[in-house]
Amino acid sequence: MSKKAKKSKIEKLDYKPIEYDYHLPVMLEECLNFLVLSNKATIIDGTLGGGGHAELILSRLGSGGNLVAFDKDKNAIAYFERKIQSNLNKEATPKVTLYNECFSSICGKAEYDGKIDGVLLDLGVSSRQLDSDSIGLSYRIDSRLDMRFGSDGMPAYEIINKADPVEIKRILRDYGEEPKAGIIARRIAERRRAIPLETTFDLKNIVEELVLPPQRFKTLSRVFQAFRIAVNKELETLETALHCYAKMLAPKGRIVVMSYHSLEDRIVKNIFREYSKSGENPAILKILTKQPIIAKDEEIIKNPRARSAKLRVAERL
């Protein structure tokens, strides 16, 4: 990385429950029942967000336990750090280390090699990020089309205004599975010749011109998802990280991944399968979920975003 990532350590923590005022975590108990098998475990939360899963991890860890959490969003790190600080007292319990980095950066941290007892990746975008007007993830709010979770990489408006129409079509097709990818890419290319497309409503208006009302919601969701994935290199990052985590786990260590669309779930399923079969190299993972776990009806009623979640788990042999 070009810039030194922020790392903070909080050595003494007396855990007390905190409220979910960032977003409501999905399949909380299911994730943690697979993830934390010892109160002295070293657990990686690769997608900290508002800390909904992390707070329950802390409640199950004791002295000698370690929570190591990652998030590219500096606001998420600061938010959770404030929550932790407000619950400190003199008694030492788990150690907490926070990295303002992408979860794939674990690949360069040799100190965790072979010492990780559990990894949690909740790949969903938080409600706070979607509702924010600062980075342009939602077509419901008129804001600059940035879409970056951190400060690295090319923002969405640069891709939309500079990329070849063929590349834009590929992004919409591969990352959004959008049936109208070609038509939308051509219209973007036409419109940007007259004036740059820089806001969420600029992109939204193009979709609304081309798609009838009954299909607009799904098309807008796919289009914005596609550019967000491209900007943050989400699928490539997930693939890189899973290869690293599989090899860095301690014996009986587990990878718990919750995905929200088919592209992510396919990567998780295929990598778990790759490492669970013997070939030129011996198998190193055992798949614990032959079929993905989905949220119960009661949870979906309370939290509709849980409807699309799929949970897969593998264990290091």
C-alpha atoms as a PDB file:
ATOM      1  CA  MET A   1       0.000   0.000   0.000  1.00  0.00           C
ATOM      2  CA  SER A   2       1.184   3.496  -0.782  1.00  0.00           C
ATOM      3  CA  LYS A   3       0.026   4.895   2.525  1.00  0.00           C
ATOM      4  CA  LYS A   4       0.670   3.444   5.921  1.00  0.00           C
ATOM      5  CA  ALA A   5      -2.612   2.031   7.161  1.00  0.00           C
ATOM      6  CA  LYS A   6      -4.037   3.094  10.445  1.00  0.00           C
ATOM      7  CA  LYS A   7      -3.686   0.435  13.120  1.00  0.00           C
ATOM      8  CA  SER A   8      -4.945   0.799  16.647  1.00  0.00           C
ATOM      9  CA  LYS A   9      -4.592  -1.502  19.608  1.00  0.00           C
ATOM     10  CA  ILE A  10      -6.809  -1.652  22.651  1.00  0.00           C
ATOM     11  CA  GLU A  11      -5.231  -4.045  25.108  1.00  0.00           C
ATOM     12  CA  LYS A  12      -7.742  -3.906  27.985  1.00  0.00           C
ATOM     13  CA  LEU A  13     -11.412  -4.450  27.384  1.00  0.00           C
ATOM     14  CA  ASP A  14     -14.287  -5.237  29.674  1.00  0.00           C
ATOM     15  CA  TYR A  15     -17.063  -6.153  27.277  1.00  0.00           C
ATOM     16  CA  LYS A  16     -20.543  -4.713  27.753  1.00  0.00           C
ATOM     17  CA  PRO A  17     -23.274  -5.038  25.096  1.00  0.00           C
ATOM     18  CA  ILE A  18     -23.733  -2.075  22.768  1.00  0.00           C
ATOM     19  CA  GLU A  19     -26.755  -1.137  20.698  1.00  0.00           C
ATOM     20  CA  TYR A  20     -26.975  -1.734  16.946  1.00  0.00           C
ATOM     21  CA  ASP A  21     -27.233   1.878  15.826  1.00  0.00           C
ATOM     22  CA  TYR A  22     -25.076   1.341  12.690  1.00  0.00           C
ATOM     23  CA  HIS A  23     -26.880  -1.531  11.020  1.00  0.00           C
ATOM     24  CA  LEU A  24     -28.550  -4.745  12.077  1.00  0.00           C
ATOM     25  CA  PRO A  25     -26.216  -7.742  11.619  1.00  0.00           C
ATOM     26  CA  VAL A  26     -27.592 -10.732   9.740  1.00  0.00           C
ATOM     27  CA  MET A  27     -27.649 -14.321  11.106  1.00  0.00           C
ATOM     28  CA  LEU A  28     -25.762 -13.191  14.174  1.00  0.00           C
ATOM     29  CA  GLU A  29     -26.086 -16.345  16.274  1.00  0.00           C
ATOM     30  CA  GLU A  30     -25.539 -18.676  13.313  1.00  0.00           C
ATOM     31  CA  CYS A  31     -22.269 -16.933  12.423  1.00  0.00           C
ATOM     32  CA  LEU A  32     -20.919 -16.899  15.952  1.00  0.00           C
ATOM     33  CA  ASN A  33     -21.863 -20.499  16.754  1.00  0.00           C
ATOM     34  CA  PHE A  34     -19.646 -21.615  13.876  1.00  0.00           C
ATOM     35  CA  LEU A  35     -16.933 -19.039  14.483  1.00  0.00           C
ATOM     36  CA  VAL A  36     -15.965 -18.872  18.168  1.00  0.00           C
ATOM     37  CA  LEU A  37     -15.159 -22.279  19.658  1.00  0.00           C
ATOM     38  CA  SER A  38     -12.822 -21.108  22.448  1.00  0.00           C
ATOM     39  CA  ASN A  39     -12.671 -18.012  24.637  1.00  0.00           C
ATOM     40  CA  LYS A  40      -8.927 -17.827  23.912  1.00  0.00           C
ATOM     41  CA  ALA A  41      -9.354 -17.837  20.137  1.00  0.00           C
ATOM     42  CA  THR A  42      -7.877 -15.373  17.662  1.00  0.00           C
ATOM     43  CA  ILE A  43     -10.775 -14.207  15.503  1.00  0.00           C
ATOM     44  CA  ILE A  44     -10.599 -12.068  12.360  1.00  0.00           C
ATOM     45  CA  ASP A  45     -13.594  -9.885  11.554  1.00  0.00           C
ATOM     46  CA  GLY A  46     -12.714  -8.822   8.030  1.00  0.00           C
ATOM     47  CA  THR A  47     -15.751  -6.598   7.549  1.00  0.00           C
ATOM     48  CA  LEU A  48     -16.176  -4.681  10.795  1.00  0.00           C
ATOM     49  CA  GLY A  49     -18.862  -2.197   9.720  1.00  0.00           C
ATOM     50  CA  GLY A  50     -20.690  -1.014  12.825  1.00  0.00           C
ATOM     51  CA  GLY A  51     -19.383  -3.939  14.855  1.00  0.00           C
ATOM     52  CA  GLY A  52     -22.620  -5.889  15.249  1.00  0.00           C
ATOM     53  CA  HIS A  53     -20.875  -9.240  14.825  1.00  0.00           C
ATOM     54  CA  ALA A  54     -17.690  -7.998  16.524  1.00  0.00           C
ATOM     55  CA  GLU A  55     -19.464  -7.126  19.761  1.00  0.00           C
ATOM     56  CA  LEU A  56     -20.819 -10.655  20.094  1.00  0.00           C
ATOM     57  CA  ILE A  57     -17.383 -12.068  19.282  1.00  0.00           C
ATOM     58  CA  LEU A  58     -16.019 -10.022  22.187  1.00  0.00           C
ATOM     59  CA  SER A  59     -18.714 -11.342  24.495  1.00  0.00           C
ATOM     60  CA  ARG A  60     -17.485 -14.885  23.790  1.00  0.00           C
ATOM     61  CA  LEU A  61     -13.772 -14.176  24.175  1.00  0.00           C
ATOM     62  CA  GLY A  62     -11.942 -13.975  27.477  1.00  0.00           C
ATOM     63  CA  SER A  63      -8.449 -13.150  28.670  1.00  0.00           C
ATOM     64  CA  GLY A  64      -6.054 -14.502  26.042  1.00  0.00           C
ATOM     65  CA  GLY A  65      -8.604 -14.070  23.262  1.00  0.00           C
ATOM     66  CA  ASN A  66      -7.950 -11.756  20.334  1.00  0.00           C
ATOM     67  CA  LEU A  67     -10.253  -9.867  17.993  1.00  0.00           C
ATOM     68  CA  VAL A  68      -8.551  -8.506  14.875  1.00  0.00           C
ATOM     69  CA  ALA A  69     -10.886  -6.381  12.745  1.00  0.00           C
ATOM     70  CA  PHE A  70     -10.537  -4.751   9.326  1.00  0.00           C
ATOM     71  CA  ASP A  71     -12.501  -2.072   7.495  1.00  0.00           C
ATOM     72  CA  LYS A  72     -11.514   0.237   4.629  1.00  0.00           C
ATOM     73  CA  ASP A  73     -13.984   2.814   5.912  1.00  0.00           C
ATOM     74  CA  LYS A  74     -12.182   4.972   8.476  1.00  0.00           C
ATOM     75  CA  ASN A  75     -15.549   6.065   9.860  1.00  0.00           C
ATOM     76  CA  ALA A  76     -16.426   2.469  10.718  1.00  0.00           C
ATOM     77  CA  ILE A  77     -13.115   2.026  12.538  1.00  0.00           C
ATOM     78  CA  ALA A  78     -13.592   5.272  14.479  1.00  0.00           C
ATOM     79  CA  TYR A  79     -17.192   4.405  15.299  1.00  0.00           C
ATOM     80  CA  PHE A  80     -16.328   0.997  16.740  1.00  0.00           C
ATOM     81  CA  GLU A  81     -13.274   2.323  18.561  1.00  0.00           C
ATOM     82  CA  ARG A  82     -15.457   4.880  20.339  1.00  0.00           C
ATOM     83  CA  LYS A  83     -17.868   2.128  21.338  1.00  0.00           C
ATOM     84  CA  ILE A  84     -14.995   0.059  22.725  1.00  0.00           C
ATOM     85  CA  GLN A  85     -13.485   2.967  24.624  1.00  0.00           C
ATOM     86  CA  SER A  86     -16.772   3.696  26.345  1.00  0.00           C
ATOM     87  CA  ASN A  87     -16.823   0.177  27.810  1.00  0.00           C
ATOM     88  CA  LEU A  88     -13.321  -0.049  29.255  1.00  0.00           C
ATOM     89  CA  ASN A  89     -12.443  -0.774  32.850  1.00  0.00           C
ATOM     90  CA  LYS A  90      -9.459  -2.108  34.767  1.00  0.00           C
ATOM     91  CA  GLU A  91      -9.969  -5.806  34.128  1.00  0.00           C
ATOM     92  CA  ALA A  92      -8.123  -7.148  31.078  1.00  0.00           C
ATOM     93  CA  THR A  93     -10.201  -9.396  28.801  1.00  0.00           C
ATOM     94  CA  PRO A  94      -9.807  -9.824  25.031  1.00  0.00           C
ATOM     95  CA  LYS A  95      -7.205  -7.877  23.073  1.00  0.00           C
ATOM     96  CA  VAL A  96      -8.603  -5.829  20.185  1.00  0.00           C
ATOM     97  CA  THR A  97      -6.617  -4.731  17.120  1.00  0.00           C
ATOM     98  CA  LEU A  98      -8.265  -2.567  14.459  1.00  0.00           C
ATOM     99  CA  TYR A  99      -6.888  -2.057  10.954  1.00  0.00           C
ATOM    100  CA  ASN A 100      -8.127   0.675   8.617  1.00  0.00           C
ATOM    101  CA  GLU A 101      -7.418  -1.653   5.708  1.00  0.00           C
ATOM    102  CA  CYS A 102      -9.148  -4.068   3.359  1.00  0.00           C
ATOM    103  CA  PHE A 103      -9.566  -7.596   4.749  1.00  0.00           C
ATOM    104  CA  SER A 104      -7.319  -8.956   1.980  1.00  0.00           C
ATOM    105  CA  SER A 105      -4.330  -7.180   3.568  1.00  0.00           C
ATOM    106  CA  ILE A 106      -4.051 -10.133   5.968  1.00  0.00           C
ATOM    107  CA  CYS A 107      -1.980 -11.745   3.206  1.00  0.00           C
ATOM    108  CA  GLY A 108       0.963  -9.531   4.156  1.00  0.00           C
ATOM    109  CA  LYS A 109       0.743 -10.033   7.925  1.00  0.00           C
ATOM    110  CA  ALA A 110       3.007 -12.965   8.760  1.00  0.00           C
ATOM    111  CA  GLU A 111       2.335 -12.616  12.495  1.00  0.00           C
ATOM    112  CA  TYR A 112      -1.086 -14.233  11.975  1.00  0.00           C
ATOM    113  CA  ASP A 113       0.086 -17.120   9.802  1.00  0.00           C
ATOM    114  CA  GLY A 114      -1.131 -20.386  11.322  1.00  0.00           C
ATOM    115  CA  LYS A 115      -2.614 -18.601  14.343  1.00  0.00           C
ATOM    116  CA  ILE A 116      -6.096 -17.714  13.102  1.00  0.00           C
ATOM    117  CA  ASP A 117      -8.902 -19.675  14.758  1.00  0.00           C
ATOM    118  CA  GLY A 118     -11.766 -18.049  12.919  1.00  0.00           C
ATOM    119  CA  VAL A 119     -12.498 -15.641  10.071  1.00  0.00           C
ATOM    120  CA  LEU A 120     -15.781 -13.824   9.502  1.00  0.00           C
ATOM    121  CA  LEU A 121     -16.573 -12.036   6.251  1.00  0.00           C
ATOM    122  CA  ASP A 122     -19.985 -10.362   6.086  1.00  0.00           C
ATOM    123  CA  LEU A 123     -19.909  -9.091   2.515  1.00  0.00           C
ATOM    124  CA  GLY A 124     -22.996  -6.906   2.642  1.00  0.00           C
ATOM    125  CA  VAL A 125     -22.881  -3.121   2.338  1.00  0.00           C
ATOM    126  CA  SER A 126     -24.028  -1.476   5.557  1.00  0.00           C
ATOM    127  CA  SER A 127     -27.211   0.545   5.737  1.00  0.00           C
ATOM    128  CA  ARG A 128     -25.244   3.571   6.921  1.00  0.00           C
ATOM    129  CA  GLN A 129     -23.045   3.451   3.806  1.00  0.00           C
ATOM    130  CA  LEU A 130     -26.073   3.094   1.526  1.00  0.00           C
ATOM    131  CA  ASP A 131     -27.858   5.970   3.242  1.00  0.00           C
ATOM    132  CA  SER A 132     -24.805   8.233   3.179  1.00  0.00           C
ATOM    133  CA  ASP A 133     -24.651  11.072   0.672  1.00  0.00           C
ATOM    134  CA  SER A 134     -20.853  11.125   0.759  1.00  0.00           C
ATOM    135  CA  ILE A 135     -19.784   8.303  -1.592  1.00  0.00           C
ATOM    136  CA  GLY A 136     -22.735   7.785  -3.929  1.00  0.00           C
ATOM    137  CA  LEU A 137     -23.706   4.158  -3.381  1.00  0.00           C
ATOM    138  CA  SER A 138     -27.464   4.718  -3.564  1.00  0.00           C
ATOM    139  CA  TYR A 139     -29.576   5.927  -6.465  1.00  0.00           C
ATOM    140  CA  ARG A 140     -32.082   7.290  -3.922  1.00  0.00           C
ATOM    141  CA  ILE A 141     -29.734  10.114  -2.856  1.00  0.00           C
ATOM    142  CA  ASP A 142     -28.256  12.680  -5.245  1.00  0.00           C
ATOM    143  CA  SER A 143     -24.523  12.741  -4.551  1.00  0.00           C
ATOM    144  CA  ARG A 144     -21.160  12.481  -6.283  1.00  0.00           C
ATOM    145  CA  LEU A 145     -20.535   9.116  -7.949  1.00  0.00           C
ATOM    146  CA  ASP A 146     -17.493   8.035  -5.969  1.00  0.00           C
ATOM    147  CA  MET A 147     -18.446   4.611  -4.531  1.00  0.00           C
ATOM    148  CA  ARG A 148     -15.019   3.944  -2.984  1.00  0.00           C
ATOM    149  CA  PHE A 149     -15.085   2.496   0.527  1.00  0.00           C
ATOM    150  CA  GLY A 150     -11.631   3.927   1.154  1.00  0.00           C
ATOM    151  CA  SER A 151      -9.427   6.469  -0.619  1.00  0.00           C
ATOM    152  CA  ASP A 152      -7.607   4.136  -3.012  1.00  0.00           C
ATOM    153  CA  GLY A 153      -8.503   3.409  -6.609  1.00  0.00           C
ATOM    154  CA  MET A 154     -10.527   5.122  -9.327  1.00  0.00           C
ATOM    155  CA  PRO A 155     -13.916   6.571  -8.372  1.00  0.00           C
ATOM    156  CA  ALA A 156     -17.022   5.532 -10.277  1.00  0.00           C
ATOM    157  CA  TYR A 157     -17.428   8.829 -12.130  1.00  0.00           C
ATOM    158  CA  GLU A 158     -13.976   8.406 -13.693  1.00  0.00           C
ATOM    159  CA  ILE A 159     -14.812   4.913 -14.910  1.00  0.00           C
ATOM    160  CA  ILE A 160     -18.188   6.028 -16.229  1.00  0.00           C
ATOM    161  CA  ASN A 161     -16.716   9.023 -18.078  1.00  0.00           C
ATOM    162  CA  LYS A 162     -13.451   7.502 -19.350  1.00  0.00           C
ATOM    163  CA  ALA A 163     -13.901   3.768 -19.864  1.00  0.00           C
ATOM    164  CA  ASP A 164     -14.520   2.351 -23.325  1.00  0.00           C
ATOM    165  CA  PRO A 165     -18.213   1.499 -23.865  1.00  0.00           C
ATOM    166  CA  VAL A 166     -17.203  -2.132 -24.335  1.00  0.00           C
ATOM    167  CA  GLU A 167     -15.649  -2.101 -20.860  1.00  0.00           C
ATOM    168  CA  ILE A 168     -18.719  -0.434 -19.361  1.00  0.00           C
ATOM    169  CA  LYS A 169     -20.884  -3.122 -20.956  1.00  0.00           C
ATOM    170  CA  ARG A 170     -18.605  -5.805 -19.455  1.00  0.00           C
ATOM    171  CA  ILE A 171     -18.863  -4.243 -15.988  1.00  0.00           C
ATOM    172  CA  LEU A 172     -22.665  -4.120 -16.162  1.00  0.00           C
ATOM    173  CA  ARG A 173     -22.890  -7.663 -17.524  1.00  0.00           C
ATOM    174  CA  ASP A 174     -20.265  -9.378 -15.361  1.00  0.00           C
ATOM    175  CA  TYR A 175     -20.785  -7.552 -12.066  1.00  0.00           C
ATOM    176  CA  GLY A 176     -24.473  -6.665 -12.312  1.00  0.00           C
ATOM    177  CA  GLU A 177     -25.750  -9.503 -14.507  1.00  0.00           C
ATOM    178  CA  GLU A 178     -27.702  -6.739 -16.247  1.00  0.00           C
ATOM    179  CA  PRO A 179     -29.686  -7.847 -19.359  1.00  0.00           C
ATOM    180  CA  LYS A 180     -29.651  -4.307 -20.818  1.00  0.00           C
ATOM    181  CA  ALA A 181     -25.894  -3.864 -20.348  1.00  0.00           C
ATOM    182  CA  GLY A 182     -25.221  -2.994 -23.997  1.00  0.00           C
ATOM    183  CA  ILE A 183     -28.028  -0.463 -24.306  1.00  0.00           C
ATOM    184  CA  ILE A 184     -27.129   1.284 -21.051  1.00  0.00           C
ATOM    185  CA  ALA A 185     -23.413   1.376 -21.945  1.00  0.00           C
ATOM    186  CA  ARG A 186     -24.174   3.002 -25.320  1.00  0.00           C
ATOM    187  CA  ARG A 187     -26.426   5.619 -23.740  1.00  0.00           C
ATOM    188  CA  ILE A 188     -23.742   6.452 -21.141  1.00  0.00           C
ATOM    189  CA  ALA A 189     -21.226   6.944 -23.950  1.00  0.00           C
ATOM    190  CA  GLU A 190     -23.646   9.199 -25.859  1.00  0.00           C
ATOM    191  CA  ARG A 191     -24.580  11.324 -22.866  1.00  0.00           C
ATOM    192  CA  ARG A 192     -21.052  11.889 -21.539  1.00  0.00           C
ATOM    193  CA  ARG A 193     -19.967  13.402 -24.866  1.00  0.00           C
ATOM    194  CA  ALA A 194     -22.213  16.368 -24.116  1.00  0.00           C
ATOM    195  CA  ILE A 195     -21.644  16.663 -20.367  1.00  0.00           C
ATOM    196  CA  PRO A 196     -19.727  14.572 -17.796  1.00  0.00           C
ATOM    197  CA  LEU A 197     -21.780  12.181 -15.684  1.00  0.00           C
ATOM    198  CA  GLU A 198     -20.776  12.917 -12.112  1.00  0.00           C
ATOM    199  CA  THR A 199     -23.711  12.275  -9.788  1.00  0.00           C
ATOM    200  CA  THR A 200     -25.902   9.357  -8.817  1.00  0.00           C
ATOM    201  CA  PHE A 201     -28.904  11.056 -10.392  1.00  0.00           C
ATOM    202  CA  ASP A 202     -27.010  11.474 -13.682  1.00  0.00           C
ATOM    203  CA  LEU A 203     -26.681   7.693 -13.827  1.00  0.00           C
ATOM    204  CA  LYS A 204     -30.165   7.093 -12.462  1.00  0.00           C
ATOM    205  CA  ASN A 205     -31.747   9.320 -15.124  1.00  0.00           C
ATOM    206  CA  ILE A 206     -30.120   7.318 -17.919  1.00  0.00           C
ATOM    207  CA  VAL A 207     -31.528   4.064 -16.548  1.00  0.00           C
ATOM    208  CA  GLU A 208     -34.972   5.579 -16.088  1.00  0.00           C
ATOM    209  CA  GLU A 209     -34.968   6.770 -19.710  1.00  0.00           C
ATOM    210  CA  LEU A 210     -34.311   3.246 -20.954  1.00  0.00           C
ATOM    211  CA  VAL A 211     -36.268   1.038 -18.559  1.00  0.00           C
ATOM    212  CA  LEU A 212     -40.014   0.918 -17.958  1.00  0.00           C
ATOM    213  CA  PRO A 213     -41.232   1.535 -14.351  1.00  0.00           C
ATOM    214  CA  PRO A 214     -41.957  -2.134 -13.447  1.00  0.00           C
ATOM    215  CA  GLN A 215     -38.295  -3.074 -14.072  1.00  0.00           C
ATOM    216  CA  ARG A 216     -36.578   0.125 -12.926  1.00  0.00           C
ATOM    217  CA  PHE A 217     -35.928  -0.838  -9.303  1.00  0.00           C
ATOM    218  CA  LYS A 218     -34.131  -4.087 -10.173  1.00  0.00           C
ATOM    219  CA  THR A 219     -32.217  -2.505 -13.043  1.00  0.00           C
ATOM    220  CA  LEU A 220     -31.036   0.424 -10.918  1.00  0.00           C
ATOM    221  CA  SER A 221     -29.945  -1.984  -8.187  1.00  0.00           C
ATOM    222  CA  ARG A 222     -27.959  -4.080 -10.675  1.00  0.00           C
ATOM    223  CA  VAL A 223     -26.334  -1.069 -12.351  1.00  0.00           C
ATOM    224  CA  PHE A 224     -25.233   0.560  -9.095  1.00  0.00           C
ATOM    225  CA  GLN A 225     -24.048  -2.807  -7.753  1.00  0.00           C
ATOM    226  CA  ALA A 226     -21.969  -3.375 -10.886  1.00  0.00           C
ATOM    227  CA  PHE A 227     -20.099  -0.076 -10.675  1.00  0.00           C
ATOM    228  CA  ARG A 228     -19.606  -0.439  -6.899  1.00  0.00           C
ATOM    229  CA  ILE A 229     -18.055  -3.895  -7.373  1.00  0.00           C
ATOM    230  CA  ALA A 230     -15.824  -2.629 -10.180  1.00  0.00           C
ATOM    231  CA  VAL A 231     -14.651   0.432  -8.239  1.00  0.00           C
ATOM    232  CA  ASN A 232     -13.732  -1.555  -5.120  1.00  0.00           C
ATOM    233  CA  LYS A 233     -12.530  -4.675  -6.971  1.00  0.00           C
ATOM    234  CA  GLU A 234     -14.757  -6.640  -4.625  1.00  0.00           C
ATOM    235  CA  LEU A 235     -14.715 -10.008  -6.382  1.00  0.00           C
ATOM    236  CA  GLU A 236     -10.967 -10.016  -7.007  1.00  0.00           C
ATOM    237  CA  THR A 237     -10.386  -8.982  -3.382  1.00  0.00           C
ATOM    238  CA  LEU A 238     -12.654 -11.732  -2.075  1.00  0.00           C
ATOM    239  CA  GLU A 239     -10.899 -14.370  -4.146  1.00  0.00           C
ATOM    240  CA  THR A 240      -7.434 -13.222  -3.056  1.00  0.00           C
ATOM    241  CA  ALA A 241      -8.449 -13.112   0.606  1.00  0.00           C
ATOM    242  CA  LEU A 242     -10.056 -16.559   0.659  1.00  0.00           C
ATOM    243  CA  HIS A 243      -6.932 -18.153  -0.802  1.00  0.00           C
ATOM    244  CA  CYS A 244      -4.844 -16.475   1.912  1.00  0.00           C
ATOM    245  CA  TYR A 245      -7.174 -17.259   4.800  1.00  0.00           C
ATOM    246  CA  ALA A 246      -7.461 -20.935   3.826  1.00  0.00           C
ATOM    247  CA  LYS A 247      -3.694 -21.297   4.181  1.00  0.00           C
ATOM    248  CA  MET A 248      -3.282 -19.104   7.289  1.00  0.00           C
ATOM    249  CA  LEU A 249      -5.859 -20.835   9.491  1.00  0.00           C
ATOM    250  CA  ALA A 250      -4.776 -22.816  12.521  1.00  0.00           C
ATOM    251  CA  PRO A 251      -5.867 -26.486  12.611  1.00  0.00           C
ATOM    252  CA  LYS A 252      -9.670 -26.597  13.129  1.00  0.00           C
ATOM    253  CA  GLY A 253      -9.832 -22.882  12.336  1.00  0.00           C
ATOM    254  CA  ARG A 254     -12.930 -21.839  10.419  1.00  0.00           C
ATOM    255  CA  ILE A 255     -13.858 -19.453   7.619  1.00  0.00           C
ATOM    256  CA  VAL A 256     -17.417 -18.119   7.886  1.00  0.00           C
ATOM    257  CA  VAL A 257     -18.597 -16.130   4.860  1.00  0.00           C
ATOM    258  CA  MET A 258     -21.947 -14.441   4.365  1.00  0.00           C
ATOM    259  CA  SER A 259     -22.655 -13.272   0.814  1.00  0.00           C
ATOM    260  CA  TYR A 260     -25.589 -11.375  -0.630  1.00  0.00           C
ATOM    261  CA  HIS A 261     -25.491 -12.036  -4.360  1.00  0.00           C
ATOM    262  CA  SER A 262     -24.713 -14.957  -6.637  1.00  0.00           C
ATOM    263  CA  LEU A 263     -21.340 -13.652  -7.856  1.00  0.00           C
ATOM    264  CA  GLU A 264     -19.871 -13.638  -4.343  1.00  0.00           C
ATOM    265  CA  ASP A 265     -21.510 -16.900  -3.337  1.00  0.00           C
ATOM    266  CA  ARG A 266     -20.127 -18.658  -6.420  1.00  0.00           C
ATOM    267  CA  ILE A 267     -16.573 -17.575  -5.575  1.00  0.00           C
ATOM    268  CA  VAL A 268     -16.923 -18.777  -1.963  1.00  0.00           C
ATOM    269  CA  LYS A 269     -18.407 -22.106  -3.013  1.00  0.00           C
ATOM    270  CA  ASN A 270     -15.755 -22.749  -5.673  1.00  0.00           C
ATOM    271  CA  ILE A 271     -12.768 -21.862  -3.468  1.00  0.00           C
ATOM    272  CA  PHE A 272     -14.063 -23.952  -0.580  1.00  0.00           C
ATOM    273  CA  ARG A 273     -14.517 -26.835  -3.019  1.00  0.00           C
ATOM    274  CA  GLU A 274     -11.036 -26.327  -4.486  1.00  0.00           C
ATOM    275  CA  TYR A 275      -9.345 -26.623  -1.085  1.00  0.00           C
ATOM    276  CA  SER A 276     -11.527 -29.503   0.096  1.00  0.00           C
ATOM    277  CA  LYS A 277     -10.529 -31.884  -2.709  1.00  0.00           C
ATOM    278  CA  SER A 278      -7.298 -33.835  -2.966  1.00  0.00           C
ATOM    279  CA  GLY A 279      -5.427 -33.612  -6.245  1.00  0.00           C
ATOM    280  CA  GLU A 280      -1.869 -32.539  -6.886  1.00  0.00           C
ATOM    281  CA  ASN A 281      -2.010 -31.103  -3.355  1.00  0.00           C
ATOM    282  CA  PRO A 282      -3.753 -32.597  -0.306  1.00  0.00           C
ATOM    283  CA  ALA A 283      -7.065 -31.112   0.825  1.00  0.00           C
ATOM    284  CA  ILE A 284      -6.743 -28.484   3.558  1.00  0.00           C
ATOM    285  CA  LEU A 285     -10.398 -27.565   4.136  1.00  0.00           C
ATOM    286  CA  LYS A 286     -13.508 -29.461   5.159  1.00  0.00           C
ATOM    287  CA  ILE A 287     -16.807 -27.913   4.064  1.00  0.00           C
ATOM    288  CA  LEU A 288     -19.232 -27.737   7.012  1.00  0.00           C
ATOM    289  CA  THR A 289     -22.225 -26.391   5.058  1.00  0.00           C
ATOM    290  CA  LYS A 290     -23.110 -28.673   2.138  1.00  0.00           C
ATOM    291  CA  GLN A 291     -25.835 -26.172   1.284  1.00  0.00           C
ATOM    292  CA  PRO A 292     -25.688 -22.502   2.278  1.00  0.00           C
ATOM    293  CA  ILE A 293     -27.551 -21.518   5.431  1.00  0.00           C
ATOM    294  CA  ILE A 294     -30.252 -18.901   4.917  1.00  0.00           C
ATOM    295  CA  ALA A 295     -31.990 -16.631   7.396  1.00  0.00           C
ATOM    296  CA  LYS A 296     -35.122 -17.789   9.198  1.00  0.00           C
ATOM    297  CA  ASP A 297     -38.484 -16.269   8.283  1.00  0.00           C
ATOM    298  CA  GLU A 298     -38.688 -14.436  11.621  1.00  0.00           C
ATOM    299  CA  GLU A 299     -35.388 -12.664  10.954  1.00  0.00           C
ATOM    300  CA  ILE A 300     -36.377 -11.716   7.403  1.00  0.00           C
ATOM    301  CA  ILE A 301     -39.560 -10.108   8.701  1.00  0.00           C
ATOM    302  CA  LYS A 302     -37.522  -7.967  11.119  1.00  0.00           C
ATOM    303  CA  ASN A 303     -34.618  -7.360   8.733  1.00  0.00           C
ATOM    304  CA  PRO A 304     -35.524  -7.653   5.021  1.00  0.00           C
ATOM    305  CA  ARG A 305     -31.868  -7.415   3.910  1.00  0.00           C
ATOM    306  CA  ALA A 306     -31.386 -10.887   5.414  1.00  0.00           C
ATOM    307  CA  ARG A 307     -33.519 -12.366   2.620  1.00  0.00           C
ATOM    308  CA  SER A 308     -30.637 -12.602   0.152  1.00  0.00           C
ATOM    309  CA  ALA A 309     -27.931 -13.687   2.619  1.00  0.00           C
ATOM    310  CA  LYS A 310     -26.188 -17.040   2.211  1.00  0.00           C
ATOM    311  CA  LEU A 311     -23.847 -18.402   4.859  1.00  0.00           C
ATOM    312  CA  ARG A 312     -21.077 -20.895   4.035  1.00  0.00           C
ATOM    313  CA  VAL A 313     -18.508 -22.339   6.423  1.00  0.00           C
ATOM    314  CA  ALA A 314     -15.291 -24.350   5.981  1.00  0.00           C
ATOM    315  CA  GLU A 315     -12.835 -25.740   8.546  1.00  0.00           C
ATOM    316  CA  ARG A 316      -9.063 -26.186   8.281  1.00  0.00           C
ATOM    317  CA  LEU A 317      -7.988 -29.828   8.428  1.00  0.00           C
END
